PDB file of N, CA and C in Angstrom:
ATOM      1  N   MET A   1     -19.862   9.655  36.927  1.00  0.00           N
ATOM      2  CA  MET A   1     -18.999   9.404  35.902  1.00  0.00           C
ATOM      3  C   MET A   1     -19.391   8.398  34.918  1.00  0.00           C
ATOM      4  N   GLN A   2     -19.486   8.708  33.649  1.00  0.00           N
ATOM      5  CA  GLN A   2     -20.023   7.917  32.505  1.00  0.00           C
ATOM      6  C   GLN A   2     -18.825   6.931  32.179  1.00  0.00           C
ATOM      7  N   THR A   3     -19.349   5.729  32.127  1.00  0.00           N
ATOM      8  CA  THR A   3     -18.154   4.635  31.567  1.00  0.00           C
ATOM      9  C   THR A   3     -18.348   4.442  30.183  1.00  0.00           C
ATOM     10  N   LYS A   4     -17.313   4.225  29.635  1.00  0.00           N
ATOM     11  CA  LYS A   4     -17.265   4.072  28.050  1.00  0.00           C
ATOM     12  C   LYS A   4     -17.580   2.641  27.675  1.00  0.00           C
ATOM     13  N   LYS A   5     -18.229   2.535  26.494  1.00  0.00           N
ATOM     14  CA  LYS A   5     -18.567   1.073  26.191  1.00  0.00           C
ATOM     15  C   LYS A   5     -17.652   0.665  24.976  1.00  0.00           C
ATOM     16  N   LEU A   6     -17.557  -0.735  24.936  1.00  0.00           N
ATOM     17  CA  LEU A   6     -16.562  -1.032  24.010  1.00  0.00           C
ATOM     18  C   LEU A   6     -17.219  -1.382  22.512  1.00  0.00           C
ATOM     19  N   TYR A   7     -16.990  -0.643  21.565  1.00  0.00           N
ATOM     20  CA  TYR A   7     -17.486  -0.961  20.291  1.00  0.00           C
ATOM     21  C   TYR A   7     -16.451  -0.985  19.169  1.00  0.00           C
ATOM     22  N   LEU A   8     -16.827  -1.564  17.910  1.00  0.00           N
ATOM     23  CA  LEU A   8     -15.823  -1.840  16.938  1.00  0.00           C
ATOM     24  C   LEU A   8     -15.570  -0.240  16.442  1.00  0.00           C
ATOM     25  N   SER A   9     -14.465   0.175  16.078  1.00  0.00           N
ATOM     26  CA  SER A   9     -14.288   1.326  15.530  1.00  0.00           C
ATOM     27  C   SER A   9     -14.627   1.600  14.062  1.00  0.00           C
ATOM     28  N   SER A  10     -15.441   2.556  13.761  1.00  0.00           N
ATOM     29  CA  SER A  10     -15.711   2.823  12.501  1.00  0.00           C
ATOM     30  C   SER A  10     -14.848   3.697  11.795  1.00  0.00           C
ATOM     31  N   THR A  11     -13.758   4.367  12.419  1.00  0.00           N
ATOM     32  CA  THR A  11     -12.872   5.309  11.998  1.00  0.00           C
ATOM     33  C   THR A  11     -11.420   4.747  11.879  1.00  0.00           C
ATOM     34  N   ASP A  12     -11.123   4.067  12.673  1.00  0.00           N
ATOM     35  CA  ASP A  12      -9.695   3.563  12.899  1.00  0.00           C
ATOM     36  C   ASP A  12      -9.654   2.061  12.791  1.00  0.00           C
ATOM     37  N   LYS A  13      -9.916   1.506  11.538  1.00  0.00           N
ATOM     38  CA  LYS A  13      -9.880   0.148  11.445  1.00  0.00           C
ATOM     39  C   LYS A  13      -8.966  -0.380  10.261  1.00  0.00           C
ATOM     40  N   LYS A  14      -8.477  -1.437  10.419  1.00  0.00           N
ATOM     41  CA  LYS A  14      -7.459  -2.100   9.262  1.00  0.00           C
ATOM     42  C   LYS A  14      -8.264  -3.275   8.710  1.00  0.00           C
ATOM     43  N   ILE A  15      -8.989  -4.181   9.710  1.00  0.00           N
ATOM     44  CA  ILE A  15      -9.609  -5.366   9.018  1.00  0.00           C
ATOM     45  C   ILE A  15     -11.077  -5.101   9.540  1.00  0.00           C
ATOM     46  N   ALA A  16     -11.376  -5.135  10.885  1.00  0.00           N
ATOM     47  CA  ALA A  16     -12.643  -5.076  11.342  1.00  0.00           C
ATOM     48  C   ALA A  16     -13.055  -3.937  12.300  1.00  0.00           C
ATOM     49  N   GLY A  17     -11.982  -3.343  12.989  1.00  0.00           N
ATOM     50  CA  GLY A  17     -12.211  -2.253  13.779  1.00  0.00           C
ATOM     51  C   GLY A  17     -12.159  -2.835  15.230  1.00  0.00           C
ATOM     52  N   VAL A  18     -11.705  -4.081  15.481  1.00  0.00           N
ATOM     53  CA  VAL A  18     -11.550  -4.517  16.919  1.00  0.00           C
ATOM     54  C   VAL A  18     -10.407  -3.934  17.694  1.00  0.00           C
ATOM     55  N   CYS A  19      -9.255  -3.849  17.022  1.00  0.00           N
ATOM     56  CA  CYS A  19      -7.996  -3.142  17.752  1.00  0.00           C
ATOM     57  C   CYS A  19      -8.192  -1.780  17.881  1.00  0.00           C
ATOM     58  N   GLY A  20      -8.959  -0.907  16.903  1.00  0.00           N
ATOM     59  CA  GLY A  20      -9.223   0.392  17.030  1.00  0.00           C
ATOM     60  C   GLY A  20     -10.376   0.712  18.291  1.00  0.00           C
ATOM     61  N   GLY A  21     -11.284  -0.278  18.204  1.00  0.00           N
ATOM     62  CA  GLY A  21     -12.218  -0.051  19.087  1.00  0.00           C
ATOM     63  C   GLY A  21     -11.735  -0.299  20.770  1.00  0.00           C
ATOM     64  N   ILE A  22     -10.755  -1.237  20.872  1.00  0.00           N
ATOM     65  CA  ILE A  22     -10.169  -1.379  22.236  1.00  0.00           C
ATOM     66  C   ILE A  22      -9.234  -0.316  22.415  1.00  0.00           C
ATOM     67  N   GLY A  23      -8.570   0.262  21.411  1.00  0.00           N
ATOM     68  CA  GLY A  23      -7.771   1.341  21.687  1.00  0.00           C
ATOM     69  C   GLY A  23      -8.506   2.760  22.010  1.00  0.00           C
ATOM     70  N   GLU A  24      -9.702   2.954  21.459  1.00  0.00           N
ATOM     71  CA  GLU A  24     -10.638   3.987  21.775  1.00  0.00           C
ATOM     72  C   GLU A  24     -11.097   3.724  23.187  1.00  0.00           C
ATOM     73  N   ARG A  25     -11.536   2.666  23.479  1.00  0.00           N
ATOM     74  CA  ARG A  25     -12.207   2.408  24.842  1.00  0.00           C
ATOM     75  C   ARG A  25     -11.207   2.481  25.994  1.00  0.00           C
ATOM     76  N   PHE A  26     -10.032   2.160  25.960  1.00  0.00           N
ATOM     77  CA  PHE A  26      -8.935   2.110  26.871  1.00  0.00           C
ATOM     78  C   PHE A  26      -8.002   3.464  26.831  1.00  0.00           C
ATOM     79  N   GLU A  27      -8.409   4.313  25.771  1.00  0.00           N
ATOM     80  CA  GLU A  27      -7.452   5.336  25.444  1.00  0.00           C
ATOM     81  C   GLU A  27      -6.082   5.179  25.264  1.00  0.00           C
ATOM     82  N   ILE A  28      -5.761   4.083  24.440  1.00  0.00           N
ATOM     83  CA  ILE A  28      -4.580   3.627  24.166  1.00  0.00           C
ATOM     84  C   ILE A  28      -4.282   3.654  22.754  1.00  0.00           C
ATOM     85  N   GLU A  29      -3.336   4.045  22.151  1.00  0.00           N
ATOM     86  CA  GLU A  29      -2.971   4.107  20.610  1.00  0.00           C
ATOM     87  C   GLU A  29      -3.210   2.765  20.033  1.00  0.00           C
ATOM     88  N   PRO A  30      -3.965   2.713  19.024  1.00  0.00           N
ATOM     89  CA  PRO A  30      -4.474   1.489  18.389  1.00  0.00           C
ATOM     90  C   PRO A  30      -3.501   0.696  17.843  1.00  0.00           C
ATOM     91  N   THR A  31      -2.415   1.461  17.229  1.00  0.00           N
ATOM     92  CA  THR A  31      -1.264   0.778  16.767  1.00  0.00           C
ATOM     93  C   THR A  31      -0.600  -0.219  17.844  1.00  0.00           C
ATOM     94  N   LEU A  32      -0.366   0.431  19.063  1.00  0.00           N
ATOM     95  CA  LEU A  32       0.193  -0.625  20.095  1.00  0.00           C
ATOM     96  C   LEU A  32      -0.622  -1.818  20.415  1.00  0.00           C
ATOM     97  N   ILE A  33      -1.941  -1.630  20.218  1.00  0.00           N
ATOM     98  CA  ILE A  33      -2.817  -2.753  20.513  1.00  0.00           C
ATOM     99  C   ILE A  33      -2.582  -3.874  19.466  1.00  0.00           C
ATOM    100  N   ARG A  34      -2.470  -3.200  18.153  1.00  0.00           N
ATOM    101  CA  ARG A  34      -2.381  -4.177  16.938  1.00  0.00           C
ATOM    102  C   ARG A  34      -0.931  -4.828  17.160  1.00  0.00           C
ATOM    103  N   LEU A  35       0.016  -4.207  17.397  1.00  0.00           N
ATOM    104  CA  LEU A  35       1.430  -4.833  17.514  1.00  0.00           C
ATOM    105  C   LEU A  35       1.464  -5.900  18.760  1.00  0.00           C
ATOM    106  N   ALA A  36       0.697  -5.573  19.818  1.00  0.00           N
ATOM    107  CA  ALA A  36       0.574  -6.401  20.943  1.00  0.00           C
ATOM    108  C   ALA A  36      -0.071  -7.841  20.358  1.00  0.00           C
ATOM    109  N   PHE A  37      -1.287  -7.485  19.756  1.00  0.00           N
ATOM    110  CA  PHE A  37      -2.030  -8.796  19.137  1.00  0.00           C
ATOM    111  C   PHE A  37      -1.339  -9.377  18.266  1.00  0.00           C
ATOM    112  N   ILE A  38      -0.496  -8.821  17.459  1.00  0.00           N
ATOM    113  CA  ILE A  38       0.365  -9.679  16.414  1.00  0.00           C
ATOM    114  C   ILE A  38       1.488 -10.491  17.088  1.00  0.00           C
ATOM    115  N   PHE A  39       2.008  -9.849  17.965  1.00  0.00           N
ATOM    116  CA  PHE A  39       3.220 -10.565  18.986  1.00  0.00           C
ATOM    117  C   PHE A  39       2.515 -11.757  19.769  1.00  0.00           C
ATOM    118  N   LEU A  40       1.425 -11.629  20.252  1.00  0.00           N
ATOM    119  CA  LEU A  40       0.776 -12.557  21.086  1.00  0.00           C
ATOM    120  C   LEU A  40       0.262 -13.825  20.231  1.00  0.00           C
ATOM    121  N   THR A  41      -0.284 -13.431  18.974  1.00  0.00           N
ATOM    122  CA  THR A  41      -0.650 -14.339  18.039  1.00  0.00           C
ATOM    123  C   THR A  41       0.420 -15.215  17.717  1.00  0.00           C
ATOM    124  N   ILE A  42       1.533 -14.761  17.169  1.00  0.00           N
ATOM    125  CA  ILE A  42       2.596 -15.449  16.742  1.00  0.00           C
ATOM    126  C   ILE A  42       3.230 -16.258  17.890  1.00  0.00           C
ATOM    127  N   MET A  43       3.256 -15.642  19.109  1.00  0.00           N
ATOM    128  CA  MET A  43       3.891 -16.479  20.284  1.00  0.00           C
ATOM    129  C   MET A  43       2.958 -17.742  20.802  1.00  0.00           C
ATOM    130  N   THR A  44       1.544 -17.550  20.497  1.00  0.00           N
ATOM    131  CA  THR A  44       0.807 -18.687  20.959  1.00  0.00           C
ATOM    132  C   THR A  44       0.316 -19.609  19.787  1.00  0.00           C
ATOM    133  N   GLY A  45       0.883 -19.320  18.591  1.00  0.00           N
ATOM    134  CA  GLY A  45       0.279 -20.011  17.509  1.00  0.00           C
ATOM    135  C   GLY A  45      -0.868 -19.365  16.656  1.00  0.00           C
ATOM    136  N   ILE A  46      -0.626 -19.348  15.552  1.00  0.00           N
ATOM    137  CA  ILE A  46      -1.622 -18.498  14.708  1.00  0.00           C
ATOM    138  C   ILE A  46      -3.002 -18.780  14.871  1.00  0.00           C
ATOM    139  N   ILE A  47      -3.500 -19.952  15.048  1.00  0.00           N
ATOM    140  CA  ILE A  47      -4.931 -20.289  15.094  1.00  0.00           C
ATOM    141  C   ILE A  47      -5.636 -19.765  16.250  1.00  0.00           C
ATOM    142  N   PRO A  48      -5.169 -19.854  17.452  1.00  0.00           N
ATOM    143  CA  PRO A  48      -5.778 -19.216  18.565  1.00  0.00           C
ATOM    144  C   PRO A  48      -6.063 -17.623  18.346  1.00  0.00           C
ATOM    145  N   GLY A  49      -5.156 -17.011  17.835  1.00  0.00           N
ATOM    146  CA  GLY A  49      -5.154 -15.563  17.552  1.00  0.00           C
ATOM    147  C   GLY A  49      -6.177 -15.187  16.621  1.00  0.00           C
ATOM    148  N   VAL A  50      -6.357 -15.832  15.660  1.00  0.00           N
ATOM    149  CA  VAL A  50      -7.365 -15.656  14.549  1.00  0.00           C
ATOM    150  C   VAL A  50      -8.726 -16.012  14.946  1.00  0.00           C
ATOM    151  N   VAL A  51      -8.814 -16.959  16.012  1.00  0.00           N
ATOM    152  CA  VAL A  51     -10.105 -17.496  16.479  1.00  0.00           C
ATOM    153  C   VAL A  51     -10.577 -16.321  17.407  1.00  0.00           C
ATOM    154  N   MET A  52      -9.742 -15.810  18.172  1.00  0.00           N
ATOM    155  CA  MET A  52     -10.032 -14.776  19.223  1.00  0.00           C
ATOM    156  C   MET A  52     -10.458 -13.381  18.393  1.00  0.00           C
ATOM    157  N   TYR A  53      -9.659 -13.183  17.370  1.00  0.00           N
ATOM    158  CA  TYR A  53     -10.012 -12.059  16.718  1.00  0.00           C
ATOM    159  C   TYR A  53     -11.388 -11.932  16.050  1.00  0.00           C
ATOM    160  N   ILE A  54     -11.714 -13.260  15.387  1.00  0.00           N
ATOM    161  CA  ILE A  54     -13.037 -13.260  14.809  1.00  0.00           C
ATOM    162  C   ILE A  54     -14.217 -13.311  15.814  1.00  0.00           C
ATOM    163  N   SER A  55     -13.844 -13.874  16.943  1.00  0.00           N
ATOM    164  CA  SER A  55     -14.807 -13.883  17.973  1.00  0.00           C
ATOM    165  C   SER A  55     -15.082 -12.441  18.576  1.00  0.00           C
ATOM    166  N   PHE A  56     -13.953 -11.707  18.809  1.00  0.00           N
ATOM    167  CA  PHE A  56     -14.268 -10.421  19.276  1.00  0.00           C
ATOM    168  C   PHE A  56     -15.028  -9.611  18.110  1.00  0.00           C
ATOM    169  N   TRP A  57     -14.845  -9.767  16.774  1.00  0.00           N
ATOM    170  CA  TRP A  57     -15.461  -9.213  15.845  1.00  0.00           C
ATOM    171  C   TRP A  57     -16.901  -9.397  15.757  1.00  0.00           C
ATOM    172  N   ILE A  58     -17.255 -10.846  15.967  1.00  0.00           N
ATOM    173  CA  ILE A  58     -18.600 -11.100  16.207  1.00  0.00           C
ATOM    174  C   ILE A  58     -19.443 -10.701  17.459  1.00  0.00           C
ATOM    175  N   ILE A  59     -18.651 -10.667  18.462  1.00  0.00           N
ATOM    176  CA  ILE A  59     -19.235 -10.310  19.787  1.00  0.00           C
ATOM    177  C   ILE A  59     -19.320  -8.695  20.201  1.00  0.00           C
ATOM    178  N   ILE A  60     -18.234  -8.028  19.765  1.00  0.00           N
ATOM    179  CA  ILE A  60     -18.307  -6.531  20.087  1.00  0.00           C
ATOM    180  C   ILE A  60     -19.330  -5.919  19.186  1.00  0.00           C
ATOM    181  N   PRO A  61     -20.380  -5.088  19.719  1.00  0.00           N
ATOM    182  CA  PRO A  61     -21.177  -4.257  18.630  1.00  0.00           C
ATOM    183  C   PRO A  61     -20.436  -3.181  17.905  1.00  0.00           C
ATOM    184  N   LYS A  62     -20.942  -3.009  16.795  1.00  0.00           N
ATOM    185  CA  LYS A  62     -20.754  -1.826  15.958  1.00  0.00           C
ATOM    186  C   LYS A  62     -21.146  -0.530  16.568  1.00  0.00           C
ATOM    187  N   SER A  63     -20.305   0.632  16.299  1.00  0.00           N
ATOM    188  CA  SER A  63     -20.426   1.823  17.063  1.00  0.00           C
ATOM    189  C   SER A  63     -22.054   2.339  16.383  1.00  0.00           C
ATOM    190  N   HIS A  64     -22.782   3.019  17.521  1.00  0.00           N
ATOM    191  CA  HIS A  64     -24.024   3.482  16.956  1.00  0.00           C
ATOM    192  C   HIS A  64     -23.783   5.006  16.389  1.00  0.00           C
ATOM    193  N   LYS A  65     -22.743   5.610  16.907  1.00  0.00           N
ATOM    194  CA  LYS A  65     -22.367   6.965  16.518  1.00  0.00           C
ATOM    195  C   LYS A  65     -21.939   6.950  15.052  1.00  0.00           C
ATOM    196  N   ASN A  66     -22.218   7.878  14.117  1.00  0.00           N
ATOM    197  CA  ASN A  66     -21.741   8.009  12.791  1.00  0.00           C
ATOM    198  C   ASN A  66     -20.607   9.057  12.803  1.00  0.00           C
ATOM    199  N   THR A  67     -19.302   8.840  12.803  1.00  0.00           N
ATOM    200  CA  THR A  67     -18.435   9.776  13.129  1.00  0.00           C
ATOM    201  C   THR A  67     -17.814  10.138  11.705  1.00  0.00           C
ATOM    202  N   LYS A  68     -17.872   9.184  10.713  1.00  0.00           N
ATOM    203  CA  LYS A  68     -17.398   9.610   9.382  1.00  0.00           C
ATOM    204  C   LYS A  68     -18.112  10.695   8.767  1.00  0.00           C
ATOM    205  N   ALA A  69     -17.271  11.460   7.976  1.00  0.00           N
ATOM    206  CA  ALA A  69     -17.860  12.688   7.278  1.00  0.00           C
ATOM    207  C   ALA A  69     -18.064  12.389   5.934  1.00  0.00           C
TER     208      ALA A  69
END
């Protein structure tokens, strides 16, 4: 069984592709990931959520496959 790796999405991104990549990796609708992230960011204060998103943006590698036509 091949395990999927986490990459920034190159096709389903609004800002950097973090939520789209997480959605692709775990086969969850990226819109649900975005809504959950926004909700958690508001509930815990804006700054921790923004710092976490930027950290993910830096840490998660870009996709090697070119899926854009």
